[in-house]
Amino acid sequence: IECLTQLLRNGVRANLRIVVEIAKKWSEQFTPKALIEMFEEFNCYEGTYWYTVSFVSECKDKDLVFKCIEAGIKCSATVPQAIKFVTQICRVHEHFDAKE
């Protein structure tokens, strides 16, 4: 995670795609919680969104589903399809607390 953090520190825009791809590939080893905290450290909601959409459909952890929804809403200005995806998740996902 230190290497990914350094990549983001050196330029979020320039390195976001590679950081997200590595995060998806090594998610189990790094843990989703630690990876999301890393993206949040840089207020990189787009990173959190692209990372979490890779597994949110099968996710049973309501906190991770919420993080995906939150990130999708916060990055919707730069990722227009995020609102559509978030709407779909809110409608159909079984492990999502609408009160949050």
C-alpha atoms as a PDB file:
ATOM      1  CA  ILE A   1       0.000   0.000   0.000  1.00  0.00           C
ATOM      2  CA  GLU A   2       2.921   2.346   0.608  1.00  0.00           C
ATOM      3  CA  CYS A   3       3.849   2.174  -3.078  1.00  0.00           C
ATOM      4  CA  LEU A   4       0.275   2.942  -4.144  1.00  0.00           C
ATOM      5  CA  THR A   5       0.135   5.816  -1.685  1.00  0.00           C
ATOM      6  CA  GLN A   6       3.363   7.204  -3.114  1.00  0.00           C
ATOM      7  CA  LEU A   7       1.971   6.978  -6.643  1.00  0.00           C
ATOM      8  CA  LEU A   8      -1.067   8.986  -5.575  1.00  0.00           C
ATOM      9  CA  ARG A   9       1.151  11.452  -3.729  1.00  0.00           C
ATOM     10  CA  ASN A  10       3.161  11.965  -6.930  1.00  0.00           C
ATOM     11  CA  GLY A  11       0.037  12.717  -8.949  1.00  0.00           C
ATOM     12  CA  VAL A  12      -3.486  11.472  -8.451  1.00  0.00           C
ATOM     13  CA  ARG A  13      -4.621  12.276 -12.002  1.00  0.00           C
ATOM     14  CA  ALA A  14      -1.538  10.820 -13.637  1.00  0.00           C
ATOM     15  CA  ASN A  15      -1.460   7.599 -11.605  1.00  0.00           C
ATOM     16  CA  LEU A  16      -5.090   6.910 -10.712  1.00  0.00           C
ATOM     17  CA  ARG A  17      -5.739   4.288 -13.382  1.00  0.00           C
ATOM     18  CA  ILE A  18      -2.718   2.147 -12.475  1.00  0.00           C
ATOM     19  CA  VAL A  19      -3.396   2.476  -8.736  1.00  0.00           C
ATOM     20  CA  VAL A  20      -7.005   1.332  -9.211  1.00  0.00           C
ATOM     21  CA  GLU A  21      -5.928  -1.634 -11.356  1.00  0.00           C
ATOM     22  CA  ILE A  22      -3.372  -2.744  -8.771  1.00  0.00           C
ATOM     23  CA  ALA A  23      -5.905  -2.231  -5.968  1.00  0.00           C
ATOM     24  CA  LYS A  24      -8.428  -4.449  -7.771  1.00  0.00           C
ATOM     25  CA  LYS A  25      -5.852  -7.166  -8.421  1.00  0.00           C
ATOM     26  CA  TRP A  26      -4.465  -7.211  -4.855  1.00  0.00           C
ATOM     27  CA  SER A  27      -7.676  -6.311  -3.019  1.00  0.00           C
ATOM     28  CA  GLU A  28      -7.790  -9.459  -0.933  1.00  0.00           C
ATOM     29  CA  GLN A  29      -4.213  -9.047   0.284  1.00  0.00           C
ATOM     30  CA  PHE A  30      -4.471  -5.305   1.007  1.00  0.00           C
ATOM     31  CA  THR A  31      -8.132  -5.461   2.190  1.00  0.00           C
ATOM     32  CA  PRO A  32     -10.868  -3.235   0.780  1.00  0.00           C
ATOM     33  CA  LYS A  33     -11.003  -1.159   3.965  1.00  0.00           C
ATOM     34  CA  ALA A  34      -7.301  -0.229   3.767  1.00  0.00           C
ATOM     35  CA  LEU A  35      -7.526   0.566   0.053  1.00  0.00           C
ATOM     36  CA  ILE A  36     -10.583   2.769   0.498  1.00  0.00           C
ATOM     37  CA  GLU A  37      -8.857   4.588   3.368  1.00  0.00           C
ATOM     38  CA  MET A  38      -5.897   5.169   1.050  1.00  0.00           C
ATOM     39  CA  PHE A  39      -8.122   6.735  -1.629  1.00  0.00           C
ATOM     40  CA  GLU A  40      -9.950   8.801   0.991  1.00  0.00           C
ATOM     41  CA  GLU A  41      -6.645  10.133   2.338  1.00  0.00           C
ATOM     42  CA  PHE A  42      -6.321  11.940  -1.013  1.00  0.00           C
ATOM     43  CA  ASN A  43     -10.041  12.786  -1.287  1.00  0.00           C
ATOM     44  CA  CYS A  44      -9.946  10.609  -4.379  1.00  0.00           C
ATOM     45  CA  TYR A  45     -13.589   9.597  -4.648  1.00  0.00           C
ATOM     46  CA  GLU A  46     -13.104   8.667  -8.275  1.00  0.00           C
ATOM     47  CA  GLY A  47     -10.518   6.092  -7.177  1.00  0.00           C
ATOM     48  CA  THR A  48     -12.845   4.707  -4.515  1.00  0.00           C
ATOM     49  CA  TYR A  49     -15.642   4.521  -7.074  1.00  0.00           C
ATOM     50  CA  TRP A  50     -13.644   2.731  -9.791  1.00  0.00           C
ATOM     51  CA  TYR A  51     -12.171   0.356  -7.217  1.00  0.00           C
ATOM     52  CA  THR A  52     -15.474  -0.559  -5.522  1.00  0.00           C
ATOM     53  CA  VAL A  53     -17.546  -0.968  -8.700  1.00  0.00           C
ATOM     54  CA  SER A  54     -15.318  -3.925  -9.533  1.00  0.00           C
ATOM     55  CA  PHE A  55     -16.838  -5.978  -6.707  1.00  0.00           C
ATOM     56  CA  VAL A  56     -19.866  -4.177  -5.269  1.00  0.00           C
ATOM     57  CA  SER A  57     -22.414  -6.326  -7.138  1.00  0.00           C
ATOM     58  CA  GLU A  58     -21.306  -9.417  -5.190  1.00  0.00           C
ATOM     59  CA  CYS A  59     -20.434  -7.576  -1.977  1.00  0.00           C
ATOM     60  CA  LYS A  60     -22.297  -8.470   1.214  1.00  0.00           C
ATOM     61  CA  ASP A  61     -20.636  -5.838   3.379  1.00  0.00           C
ATOM     62  CA  LYS A  62     -23.097  -2.948   3.721  1.00  0.00           C
ATOM     63  CA  ASP A  63     -20.297  -0.520   4.641  1.00  0.00           C
ATOM     64  CA  LEU A  64     -18.438  -1.237   1.391  1.00  0.00           C
ATOM     65  CA  VAL A  65     -21.649  -0.884  -0.616  1.00  0.00           C
ATOM     66  CA  PHE A  66     -22.230   2.458   1.101  1.00  0.00           C
ATOM     67  CA  LYS A  67     -18.667   3.584   0.265  1.00  0.00           C
ATOM     68  CA  CYS A  68     -19.310   2.789  -3.410  1.00  0.00           C
ATOM     69  CA  ILE A  69     -22.560   4.769  -3.400  1.00  0.00           C
ATOM     70  CA  GLU A  70     -20.974   7.697  -1.551  1.00  0.00           C
ATOM     71  CA  ALA A  71     -17.987   7.795  -3.905  1.00  0.00           C
ATOM     72  CA  GLY A  72     -20.219   7.531  -6.971  1.00  0.00           C
ATOM     73  CA  ILE A  73     -22.242  10.535  -5.882  1.00  0.00           C
ATOM     74  CA  LYS A  74     -19.170  12.592  -4.985  1.00  0.00           C
ATOM     75  CA  CYS A  75     -17.396  11.915  -8.289  1.00  0.00           C
ATOM     76  CA  SER A  76     -20.450  12.198 -10.548  1.00  0.00           C
ATOM     77  CA  ALA A  77     -19.198  15.478 -12.043  1.00  0.00           C
ATOM     78  CA  THR A  78     -16.143  13.705 -13.485  1.00  0.00           C
ATOM     79  CA  VAL A  79     -17.727  10.262 -13.980  1.00  0.00           C
ATOM     80  CA  PRO A  80     -21.174  10.898 -15.501  1.00  0.00           C
ATOM     81  CA  GLN A  81     -22.190   7.217 -15.548  1.00  0.00           C
ATOM     82  CA  ALA A  82     -21.671   7.018 -11.773  1.00  0.00           C
ATOM     83  CA  ILE A  83     -25.139   8.371 -10.956  1.00  0.00           C
ATOM     84  CA  LYS A  84     -26.792   5.774 -13.174  1.00  0.00           C
ATOM     85  CA  PHE A  85     -24.768   2.983 -11.535  1.00  0.00           C
ATOM     86  CA  VAL A  86     -25.461   4.280  -8.017  1.00  0.00           C
ATOM     87  CA  THR A  87     -29.186   4.472  -8.781  1.00  0.00           C
ATOM     88  CA  GLN A  88     -29.124   0.859  -9.954  1.00  0.00           C
ATOM     89  CA  ILE A  89     -27.247  -0.296  -6.836  1.00  0.00           C
ATOM     90  CA  CYS A  90     -29.722   1.511  -4.578  1.00  0.00           C
ATOM     91  CA  ARG A  91     -32.645  -0.175  -6.328  1.00  0.00           C
ATOM     92  CA  VAL A  92     -31.423  -3.747  -6.443  1.00  0.00           C
ATOM     93  CA  HIS A  93     -28.641  -4.361  -3.946  1.00  0.00           C
ATOM     94  CA  GLU A  94     -29.671  -6.527  -0.995  1.00  0.00           C
ATOM     95  CA  HIS A  95     -26.860  -5.419   1.329  1.00  0.00           C
ATOM     96  CA  PHE A  96     -27.459  -1.718   1.449  1.00  0.00           C
ATOM     97  CA  ASP A  97     -28.920   0.367   4.274  1.00  0.00           C
ATOM     98  CA  ALA A  98     -31.061   3.104   2.703  1.00  0.00           C
ATOM     99  CA  LYS A  99     -31.082   5.047   5.987  1.00  0.00           C
ATOM    100  CA  GLU A 100     -27.385   5.810   5.587  1.00  0.00           C
END
